[in-house]
Amino acid sequence: MSQTALKRLRKDLRDLEKSPPLGIRTRPLEDNILVWHYVIEGAKGTDYEGGYYHGTLTFPPEFPMKPPSIQMWTPNGR
């Protein structure tokens, strides 16, 4: 992993801990900062209200020059 990726992901984690986005929780794996799990709460007033949607972000070693891959683990019913 590049030092640029490590530095950026650590900064992003600090920012998220300091000011977490409403309805989203995320954490990297303890032993691999390139893999983050997230949970999104369904928005109020929508068909998704009351639901929790789990997924992972997998960051490439070249991050931020290459984007992460996104995997949703919770079926969305579509």
Protein backbone atom coordinates (compact mmCIF):
# COMPACT_ATOMS: atom_id res chain seq x y z
CA MET A 1 0.00 0.00 0.00
CA SER A 2 1.25 3.45 -0.80
CA GLN A 3 1.94 5.99 1.91
CA THR A 4 -0.46 8.33 0.10
CA ALA A 5 -3.33 5.84 0.46
CA LEU A 6 -2.53 5.16 4.11
CA LYS A 7 -2.31 8.86 4.95
CA ARG A 8 -5.54 9.68 3.12
CA LEU A 9 -7.53 6.81 4.68
CA ARG A 10 -6.33 7.70 8.18
CA LYS A 11 -7.36 11.32 7.60
CA ASP A 12 -10.77 10.25 6.26
CA LEU A 13 -11.29 8.02 9.31
CA ARG A 14 -10.42 10.87 11.70
CA ASP A 15 -12.81 13.18 9.86
CA LEU A 16 -15.62 10.61 10.01
CA GLU A 17 -15.05 10.01 13.73
CA LYS A 18 -15.07 13.75 14.44
CA SER A 19 -18.16 14.49 12.35
CA PRO A 20 -20.06 11.32 11.39
CA PRO A 21 -22.59 11.66 8.57
CA LEU A 22 -26.21 11.26 9.64
CA GLY A 23 -27.49 7.72 9.07
CA ILE A 24 -24.14 6.20 8.06
CA ARG A 25 -21.68 4.22 10.16
CA THR A 26 -18.37 2.97 8.80
CA ARG A 27 -15.15 1.42 10.11
CA PRO A 28 -12.13 -0.20 8.50
CA LEU A 29 -11.10 -3.72 9.44
CA GLU A 30 -8.70 -3.71 12.39
CA ASP A 31 -6.01 -5.50 10.38
CA ASN A 32 -6.64 -3.94 6.95
CA ILE A 33 -7.41 -0.23 6.51
CA LEU A 34 -8.14 -0.86 2.82
CA VAL A 35 -11.42 -2.67 3.66
CA TRP A 36 -14.22 -0.68 5.30
CA HIS A 37 -17.63 -1.96 6.37
CA TYR A 38 -20.53 0.45 6.38
CA VAL A 39 -24.18 0.50 7.43
CA ILE A 40 -26.65 2.96 5.96
CA GLU A 41 -29.94 3.55 7.76
CA GLY A 42 -33.01 3.79 5.52
CA ALA A 43 -34.14 7.38 5.10
CA LYS A 44 -37.27 8.50 6.94
CA GLY A 45 -40.36 8.87 4.82
CA THR A 46 -39.16 6.35 2.22
CA ASP A 47 -39.86 2.67 1.60
CA TYR A 48 -36.44 2.02 3.17
CA GLU A 49 -37.27 3.62 6.53
CA GLY A 50 -36.39 1.33 9.43
CA GLY A 51 -34.00 -0.72 7.32
CA TYR A 52 -30.26 -1.14 7.71
CA TYR A 53 -28.12 -1.75 4.66
CA HIS A 54 -24.66 -3.28 5.04
CA GLY A 55 -21.83 -3.19 2.54
CA THR A 56 -18.09 -2.91 2.09
CA LEU A 57 -15.73 -0.50 0.42
CA THR A 58 -12.46 -2.01 -0.78
CA PHE A 59 -9.83 0.61 -1.51
CA PRO A 60 -7.05 -0.18 -3.98
CA PRO A 61 -3.43 0.40 -2.90
CA GLU A 62 -3.37 3.26 -5.43
CA PHE A 63 -6.15 5.18 -3.63
CA PRO A 64 -6.99 8.08 -4.02
CA MET A 65 -5.85 7.89 -7.65
CA LYS A 66 -8.13 4.88 -8.20
CA PRO A 67 -11.64 4.55 -6.72
CA PRO A 68 -12.79 1.93 -4.22
CA SER A 69 -15.02 -0.97 -5.19
CA ILE A 70 -18.41 -1.05 -3.50
CA GLN A 71 -20.29 -4.19 -2.45
CA MET A 72 -23.78 -4.18 -0.97
CA TRP A 73 -24.42 -7.22 1.24
CA THR A 74 -28.01 -6.46 2.20
CA PRO A 75 -30.44 -7.39 -0.59
CA ASN A 76 -32.38 -4.32 -1.72
CA GLY A 77 -35.43 -6.22 -2.98
CA ARG A 78 -35.04 -5.18 -6.61
